[in-house]
PDB file of all heavy atoms in Angstrom:
ATOM      1  N   SER A   1      -4.187 -12.662   6.298  1.00  0.00           N
ATOM      2  CA  SER A   1      -3.837 -11.794   7.493  1.00  0.00           C
ATOM      3  C   SER A   1      -2.315 -11.341   7.473  1.00  0.00           C
ATOM      4  O   SER A   1      -1.608 -11.418   8.475  1.00  0.00           O
ATOM      5  CB  SER A   1      -4.017 -12.547   8.767  1.00  0.00           C
ATOM      6  OG  SER A   1      -5.355 -12.940   8.915  1.00  0.00           O
ATOM      7  N   LEU A   2      -1.937 -10.932   6.205  1.00  0.00           N
ATOM      8  CA  LEU A   2      -0.556 -10.456   6.056  1.00  0.00           C
ATOM      9  C   LEU A   2      -0.632  -8.946   5.914  1.00  0.00           C
ATOM     10  O   LEU A   2      -1.621  -8.349   5.565  1.00  0.00           O
ATOM     11  CB  LEU A   2      -0.017 -11.023   4.775  1.00  0.00           C
ATOM     12  CG  LEU A   2      -0.030 -12.517   4.571  1.00  0.00           C
ATOM     13  CD1 LEU A   2       0.462 -12.944   3.178  1.00  0.00           C
ATOM     14  CD2 LEU A   2       0.881 -13.098   5.641  1.00  0.00           C
ATOM     15  N   SER A   3       0.488  -8.329   6.268  1.00  0.00           N
ATOM     16  CA  SER A   3       0.662  -6.914   6.031  1.00  0.00           C
ATOM     17  C   SER A   3       1.629  -6.741   4.832  1.00  0.00           C
ATOM     18  O   SER A   3       2.296  -7.635   4.403  1.00  0.00           O
ATOM     19  CB  SER A   3       1.148  -6.146   7.178  1.00  0.00           C
ATOM     20  OG  SER A   3       2.303  -6.558   7.680  1.00  0.00           O
ATOM     21  N   VAL A   4       1.526  -5.569   4.185  1.00  0.00           N
ATOM     22  CA  VAL A   4       2.277  -5.345   2.929  1.00  0.00           C
ATOM     23  C   VAL A   4       3.234  -4.205   3.131  1.00  0.00           C
ATOM     24  O   VAL A   4       2.870  -3.118   3.540  1.00  0.00           O
ATOM     25  CB  VAL A   4       1.362  -5.085   1.793  1.00  0.00           C
ATOM     26  CG1 VAL A   4       2.016  -4.693   0.475  1.00  0.00           C
ATOM     27  CG2 VAL A   4       0.333  -6.181   1.589  1.00  0.00           C
ATOM     28  N   ILE A   5       4.464  -4.437   2.627  1.00  0.00           N
ATOM     29  CA  ILE A   5       5.527  -3.320   2.537  1.00  0.00           C
ATOM     30  C   ILE A   5       5.480  -2.938   1.094  1.00  0.00           C
ATOM     31  O   ILE A   5       5.816  -3.694   0.244  1.00  0.00           O
ATOM     32  CB  ILE A   5       6.857  -3.847   3.023  1.00  0.00           C
ATOM     33  CG1 ILE A   5       6.800  -4.183   4.452  1.00  0.00           C
ATOM     34  CG2 ILE A   5       7.847  -2.633   2.788  1.00  0.00           C
ATOM     35  CD1 ILE A   5       8.214  -4.858   4.870  1.00  0.00           C
ATOM     36  N   PRO A   6       5.154  -1.714   0.765  1.00  0.00           N
ATOM     37  CA  PRO A   6       4.991  -1.256  -0.614  1.00  0.00           C
ATOM     38  C   PRO A   6       6.398  -0.722  -1.134  1.00  0.00           C
ATOM     39  O   PRO A   6       6.513   0.550  -1.480  1.00  0.00           O
ATOM     40  CB  PRO A   6       3.955  -0.192  -0.630  1.00  0.00           C
ATOM     41  CG  PRO A   6       4.068   0.484   0.771  1.00  0.00           C
ATOM     42  CD  PRO A   6       4.542  -0.684   1.678  1.00  0.00           C
ATOM     43  N   THR A   7       7.379  -1.510  -1.295  1.00  0.00           N
ATOM     44  CA  THR A   7       8.593  -1.099  -1.753  1.00  0.00           C
ATOM     45  C   THR A   7       8.570  -0.595  -3.238  1.00  0.00           C
ATOM     46  O   THR A   7       9.268   0.448  -3.558  1.00  0.00           O
ATOM     47  CB  THR A   7       9.724  -2.147  -1.603  1.00  0.00           C
ATOM     48  OG1 THR A   7       9.783  -2.443  -0.232  1.00  0.00           O
ATOM     49  CG2 THR A   7      11.113  -1.724  -2.191  1.00  0.00           C
ATOM     50  N   CYS A   8       7.737  -1.311  -4.096  1.00  0.00           N
ATOM     51  CA  CYS A   8       7.624  -0.827  -5.487  1.00  0.00           C
ATOM     52  C   CYS A   8       7.067   0.543  -5.501  1.00  0.00           C
ATOM     53  O   CYS A   8       6.095   0.873  -4.907  1.00  0.00           O
ATOM     54  CB  CYS A   8       6.753  -1.909  -6.238  1.00  0.00           C
ATOM     55  SG  CYS A   8       6.247  -1.368  -7.809  1.00  0.00           S
ATOM     56  N   SER A   9       7.697   1.365  -6.333  1.00  0.00           N
ATOM     57  CA  SER A   9       7.203   2.732  -6.400  1.00  0.00           C
ATOM     58  C   SER A   9       5.796   2.873  -6.996  1.00  0.00           C
ATOM     59  O   SER A   9       5.009   3.753  -6.623  1.00  0.00           O
ATOM     60  CB  SER A   9       8.227   3.648  -7.175  1.00  0.00           C
ATOM     61  OG  SER A   9       8.312   3.129  -8.445  1.00  0.00           O
ATOM     62  N   TYR A  10       5.477   1.981  -7.936  1.00  0.00           N
ATOM     63  CA  TYR A  10       4.082   2.101  -8.494  1.00  0.00           C
ATOM     64  C   TYR A  10       3.049   1.811  -7.359  1.00  0.00           C
ATOM     65  O   TYR A  10       2.132   2.537  -7.229  1.00  0.00           O
ATOM     66  CB  TYR A  10       3.875   0.996  -9.582  1.00  0.00           C
ATOM     67  CG  TYR A  10       2.377   0.901  -9.978  1.00  0.00           C
ATOM     68  CD1 TYR A  10       1.849   1.844 -10.891  1.00  0.00           C
ATOM     69  CD2 TYR A  10       1.504   0.016  -9.399  1.00  0.00           C
ATOM     70  CE1 TYR A  10       0.501   1.917 -11.179  1.00  0.00           C
ATOM     71  CE2 TYR A  10       0.184   0.035  -9.695  1.00  0.00           C
ATOM     72  CZ  TYR A  10      -0.340   0.993 -10.567  1.00  0.00           C
ATOM     73  OH  TYR A  10      -1.669   1.025 -10.926  1.00  0.00           O
ATOM     74  N   VAL A  11       3.315   0.862  -6.447  1.00  0.00           N
ATOM     75  CA  VAL A  11       2.433   0.589  -5.412  1.00  0.00           C
ATOM     76  C   VAL A  11       2.382   1.738  -4.454  1.00  0.00           C
ATOM     77  O   VAL A  11       1.208   2.162  -4.090  1.00  0.00           O
ATOM     78  CB  VAL A  11       2.888  -0.679  -4.592  1.00  0.00           C
ATOM     79  CG1 VAL A  11       1.941  -0.947  -3.474  1.00  0.00           C
ATOM     80  CG2 VAL A  11       2.906  -1.898  -5.571  1.00  0.00           C
ATOM     81  N   SER A  12       3.519   2.256  -4.004  1.00  0.00           N
ATOM     82  CA  SER A  12       3.508   3.371  -2.970  1.00  0.00           C
ATOM     83  C   SER A  12       3.066   4.701  -3.562  1.00  0.00           C
ATOM     84  O   SER A  12       2.317   5.475  -2.816  1.00  0.00           O
ATOM     85  CB  SER A  12       4.871   3.494  -2.352  1.00  0.00           C
ATOM     86  OG  SER A  12       5.873   3.801  -3.349  1.00  0.00           O
ATOM     87  N   ASP A  13       3.431   5.008  -4.804  1.00  0.00           N
ATOM     88  CA  ASP A  13       3.172   6.348  -5.379  1.00  0.00           C
ATOM     89  C   ASP A  13       1.803   6.496  -6.257  1.00  0.00           C
ATOM     90  O   ASP A  13       1.370   7.572  -6.393  1.00  0.00           O
ATOM     91  CB  ASP A  13       4.364   6.805  -6.242  1.00  0.00           C
ATOM     92  CG  ASP A  13       5.590   6.883  -5.408  1.00  0.00           C
ATOM     93  OD1 ASP A  13       5.553   6.786  -4.174  1.00  0.00           O
ATOM     94  OD2 ASP A  13       6.735   6.972  -6.049  1.00  0.00           O
ATOM     95  N   THR A  14       1.422   5.305  -6.726  1.00  0.00           N
ATOM     96  CA  THR A  14       0.231   5.455  -7.612  1.00  0.00           C
ATOM     97  C   THR A  14      -0.963   4.578  -7.056  1.00  0.00           C
ATOM     98  O   THR A  14      -2.042   5.087  -6.921  1.00  0.00           O
ATOM     99  CB  THR A  14       0.576   4.899  -9.113  1.00  0.00           C
ATOM    100  OG1 THR A  14       1.670   5.733  -9.534  1.00  0.00           O
ATOM    101  CG2 THR A  14      -0.557   5.013 -10.022  1.00  0.00           C
ATOM    102  N   PHE A  15      -0.714   3.272  -6.815  1.00  0.00           N
ATOM    103  CA  PHE A  15      -1.873   2.456  -6.436  1.00  0.00           C
ATOM    104  C   PHE A  15      -2.477   2.841  -5.079  1.00  0.00           C
ATOM    105  O   PHE A  15      -3.594   2.927  -4.990  1.00  0.00           O
ATOM    106  CB  PHE A  15      -1.381   0.930  -6.383  1.00  0.00           C
ATOM    107  CG  PHE A  15      -2.520  -0.023  -6.027  1.00  0.00           C
ATOM    108  CD1 PHE A  15      -3.499  -0.323  -6.951  1.00  0.00           C
ATOM    109  CD2 PHE A  15      -2.523  -0.494  -4.735  1.00  0.00           C
ATOM    110  CE1 PHE A  15      -4.549  -1.144  -6.496  1.00  0.00           C
ATOM    111  CE2 PHE A  15      -3.611  -1.398  -4.337  1.00  0.00           C
ATOM    112  CZ  PHE A  15      -4.628  -1.664  -5.270  1.00  0.00           C
ATOM    113  N   LEU A  16      -1.608   2.945  -4.065  1.00  0.00           N
ATOM    114  CA  LEU A  16      -2.124   3.334  -2.773  1.00  0.00           C
ATOM    115  C   LEU A  16      -2.838   4.611  -2.630  1.00  0.00           C
ATOM    116  O   LEU A  16      -3.905   4.768  -2.118  1.00  0.00           O
ATOM    117  CB  LEU A  16      -1.058   3.167  -1.639  1.00  0.00           C
ATOM    118  CG  LEU A  16      -0.727   1.745  -1.308  1.00  0.00           C
ATOM    119  CD1 LEU A  16       0.434   1.682  -0.427  1.00  0.00           C
ATOM    120  CD2 LEU A  16      -1.907   0.970  -0.683  1.00  0.00           C
ATOM    121  N   PRO A  17      -2.275   5.661  -3.232  1.00  0.00           N
ATOM    122  CA  PRO A  17      -3.018   7.036  -3.297  1.00  0.00           C
ATOM    123  C   PRO A  17      -4.336   6.943  -4.020  1.00  0.00           C
ATOM    124  O   PRO A  17      -5.345   7.571  -3.654  1.00  0.00           O
ATOM    125  CB  PRO A  17      -2.015   7.952  -4.022  1.00  0.00           C
ATOM    126  CG  PRO A  17      -0.634   7.415  -3.757  1.00  0.00           C
ATOM    127  CD  PRO A  17      -0.863   5.840  -3.770  1.00  0.00           C
ATOM    128  N   ARG A  18      -4.438   6.045  -5.023  1.00  0.00           N
ATOM    129  CA  ARG A  18      -5.714   5.878  -5.702  1.00  0.00           C
ATOM    130  C   ARG A  18      -6.664   4.964  -4.967  1.00  0.00           C
ATOM    131  O   ARG A  18      -7.823   4.961  -5.280  1.00  0.00           O
ATOM    132  CB  ARG A  18      -5.398   5.412  -7.100  1.00  0.00           C
ATOM    133  CG  ARG A  18      -4.757   6.365  -8.114  1.00  0.00           C
ATOM    134  CD  ARG A  18      -4.575   5.741  -9.380  1.00  0.00           C
ATOM    135  NE  ARG A  18      -3.750   6.676 -10.296  1.00  0.00           N
ATOM    136  CZ  ARG A  18      -3.277   6.303 -11.513  1.00  0.00           C
ATOM    137  NH1 ARG A  18      -3.534   5.017 -11.973  1.00  0.00           N
ATOM    138  NH2 ARG A  18      -2.657   7.171 -12.249  1.00  0.00           N
ATOM    139  N   ASN A  19      -6.135   4.165  -4.151  1.00  0.00           N
ATOM    140  CA  ASN A  19      -6.887   3.085  -3.479  1.00  0.00           C
ATOM    141  C   ASN A  19      -6.587   3.100  -1.939  1.00  0.00           C
ATOM    142  O   ASN A  19      -6.067   2.138  -1.345  1.00  0.00           O
ATOM    143  CB  ASN A  19      -6.658   1.735  -4.057  1.00  0.00           C
ATOM    144  CG  ASN A  19      -6.930   1.669  -5.525  1.00  0.00           C
ATOM    145  OD1 ASN A  19      -7.963   1.383  -5.980  1.00  0.00           O
ATOM    146  ND2 ASN A  19      -5.908   1.913  -6.377  1.00  0.00           N
ATOM    147  N   PRO A  20      -6.973   4.195  -1.234  1.00  0.00           N
ATOM    148  CA  PRO A  20      -6.556   4.348   0.171  1.00  0.00           C
ATOM    149  C   PRO A  20      -7.164   3.323   1.105  1.00  0.00           C
ATOM    150  O   PRO A  20      -6.667   3.167   2.174  1.00  0.00           O
ATOM    151  CB  PRO A  20      -7.032   5.752   0.497  1.00  0.00           C
ATOM    152  CG  PRO A  20      -8.112   6.135  -0.474  1.00  0.00           C
ATOM    153  CD  PRO A  20      -7.619   5.377  -1.788  1.00  0.00           C
ATOM    154  N   ASN A  21      -8.219   2.602   0.606  1.00  0.00           N
ATOM    155  CA  ASN A  21      -8.885   1.602   1.391  1.00  0.00           C
ATOM    156  C   ASN A  21      -7.901   0.463   1.763  1.00  0.00           C
ATOM    157  O   ASN A  21      -8.001  -0.233   2.709  1.00  0.00           O
ATOM    158  CB  ASN A  21     -10.044   0.998   0.629  1.00  0.00           C
ATOM    159  CG  ASN A  21      -9.797   0.564  -0.721  1.00  0.00           C
ATOM    160  OD1 ASN A  21      -9.271   1.322  -1.547  1.00  0.00           O
ATOM    161  ND2 ASN A  21     -10.208  -0.712  -1.060  1.00  0.00           N
ATOM    162  N   TRP A  22      -6.790   0.306   1.027  1.00  0.00           N
ATOM    163  CA  TRP A  22      -5.841  -0.699   1.320  1.00  0.00           C
ATOM    164  C   TRP A  22      -4.751  -0.260   2.330  1.00  0.00           C
ATOM    165  O   TRP A  22      -3.965  -1.067   2.789  1.00  0.00           O
ATOM    166  CB  TRP A  22      -5.093  -1.156   0.011  1.00  0.00           C
ATOM    167  CG  TRP A  22      -5.944  -1.952  -0.931  1.00  0.00           C
ATOM    168  CD1 TRP A  22      -6.410  -1.669  -2.125  1.00  0.00           C
ATOM    169  CD2 TRP A  22      -6.458  -3.248  -0.677  1.00  0.00           C
ATOM    170  NE1 TRP A  22      -7.231  -2.580  -2.734  1.00  0.00           N
ATOM    171  CE2 TRP A  22      -7.182  -3.542  -1.759  1.00  0.00           C
ATOM    172  CE3 TRP A  22      -6.403  -4.172   0.359  1.00  0.00           C
ATOM    173  CZ2 TRP A  22      -7.897  -4.824  -1.902  1.00  0.00           C
ATOM    174  CZ3 TRP A  22      -7.154  -5.331   0.242  1.00  0.00           C
ATOM    175  CH2 TRP A  22      -7.811  -5.661  -0.857  1.00  0.00           C
ATOM    176  N   ASN A  23      -4.824   1.007   2.711  1.00  0.00           N
ATOM    177  CA  ASN A  23      -3.749   1.479   3.675  1.00  0.00           C
ATOM    178  C   ASN A  23      -3.856   0.706   5.047  1.00  0.00           C
ATOM    179  O   ASN A  23      -2.827   0.666   5.712  1.00  0.00           O
ATOM    180  CB  ASN A  23      -3.851   2.967   3.916  1.00  0.00           C
ATOM    181  CG  ASN A  23      -3.369   3.731   2.729  1.00  0.00           C
ATOM    182  OD1 ASN A  23      -2.352   3.324   2.095  1.00  0.00           O
ATOM    183  ND2 ASN A  23      -3.943   4.895   2.450  1.00  0.00           N
ATOM    184  N   SER A  24      -5.011   0.139   5.284  1.00  0.00           N
ATOM    185  CA  SER A  24      -5.143  -0.526   6.567  1.00  0.00           C
ATOM    186  C   SER A  24      -4.273  -1.767   6.637  1.00  0.00           C
ATOM    187  O   SER A  24      -3.960  -2.220   7.798  1.00  0.00           O
ATOM    188  CB  SER A  24      -6.621  -0.984   6.789  1.00  0.00           C
ATOM    189  OG  SER A  24      -6.966  -1.836   5.739  1.00  0.00           O
ATOM    190  N   ILE A  25      -3.808  -2.339   5.568  1.00  0.00           N
ATOM    191  CA  ILE A  25      -2.901  -3.512   5.685  1.00  0.00           C
ATOM    192  C   ILE A  25      -1.462  -3.197   5.237  1.00  0.00           C
ATOM    193  O   ILE A  25      -0.629  -4.089   5.246  1.00  0.00           O
ATOM    194  CB  ILE A  25      -3.440  -4.743   4.895  1.00  0.00           C
ATOM    195  CG1 ILE A  25      -3.432  -4.520   3.393  1.00  0.00           C
ATOM    196  CG2 ILE A  25      -4.869  -5.244   5.436  1.00  0.00           C
ATOM    197  CD1 ILE A  25      -3.733  -5.720   2.558  1.00  0.00           C
ATOM    198  N   VAL A  26      -1.138  -1.936   5.177  1.00  0.00           N
ATOM    199  CA  VAL A  26       0.229  -1.539   4.867  1.00  0.00           C
ATOM    200  C   VAL A  26       1.065  -1.778   6.175  1.00  0.00           C
ATOM    201  O   VAL A  26       0.629  -1.324   7.268  1.00  0.00           O
ATOM    202  CB  VAL A  26       0.361  -0.066   4.357  1.00  0.00           C
ATOM    203  CG1 VAL A  26       1.770   0.334   4.334  1.00  0.00           C
ATOM    204  CG2 VAL A  26      -0.239   0.040   2.974  1.00  0.00           C
ATOM    205  N   HIS A  27       2.142  -2.365   6.057  1.00  0.00           N
ATOM    206  CA  HIS A  27       3.017  -2.641   7.273  1.00  0.00           C
ATOM    207  C   HIS A  27       3.423  -1.390   7.852  1.00  0.00           C
ATOM    208  O   HIS A  27       3.965  -0.425   7.182  1.00  0.00           O
ATOM    209  CB  HIS A  27       4.223  -3.495   6.795  1.00  0.00           C
ATOM    210  CG  HIS A  27       4.979  -3.986   7.896  1.00  0.00           C
ATOM    211  ND1 HIS A  27       4.532  -4.882   8.845  1.00  0.00           N
ATOM    212  CD2 HIS A  27       6.294  -3.838   8.347  1.00  0.00           C
ATOM    213  CE1 HIS A  27       5.417  -5.160   9.760  1.00  0.00           C
ATOM    214  NE2 HIS A  27       6.498  -4.565   9.442  1.00  0.00           N
ATOM    215  N   LYS A  28       3.219  -1.152   9.163  1.00  0.00           N
ATOM    216  CA  LYS A  28       3.534   0.112   9.813  1.00  0.00           C
ATOM    217  C   LYS A  28       4.911   0.234  10.140  1.00  0.00           C
ATOM    218  O   LYS A  28       5.524   1.311  10.107  1.00  0.00           O
ATOM    219  CB  LYS A  28       2.658   0.215  11.058  1.00  0.00           C
ATOM    220  CG  LYS A  28       1.142   0.151  10.805  1.00  0.00           C
ATOM    221  CD  LYS A  28       0.662   1.202   9.906  1.00  0.00           C
ATOM    222  CE  LYS A  28      -0.835   1.107   9.762  1.00  0.00           C
ATOM    223  NZ  LYS A  28      -1.261   0.926   8.294  1.00  0.00           N
TER     224      LYS A  28
END
């Protein structure tokens, strides 16, 4: 039950766009 801040550019620019199902736990 944690949220994620995607500071790493690979996570924000590559992984999340390719895997949008994880956006629900990205810290708002």
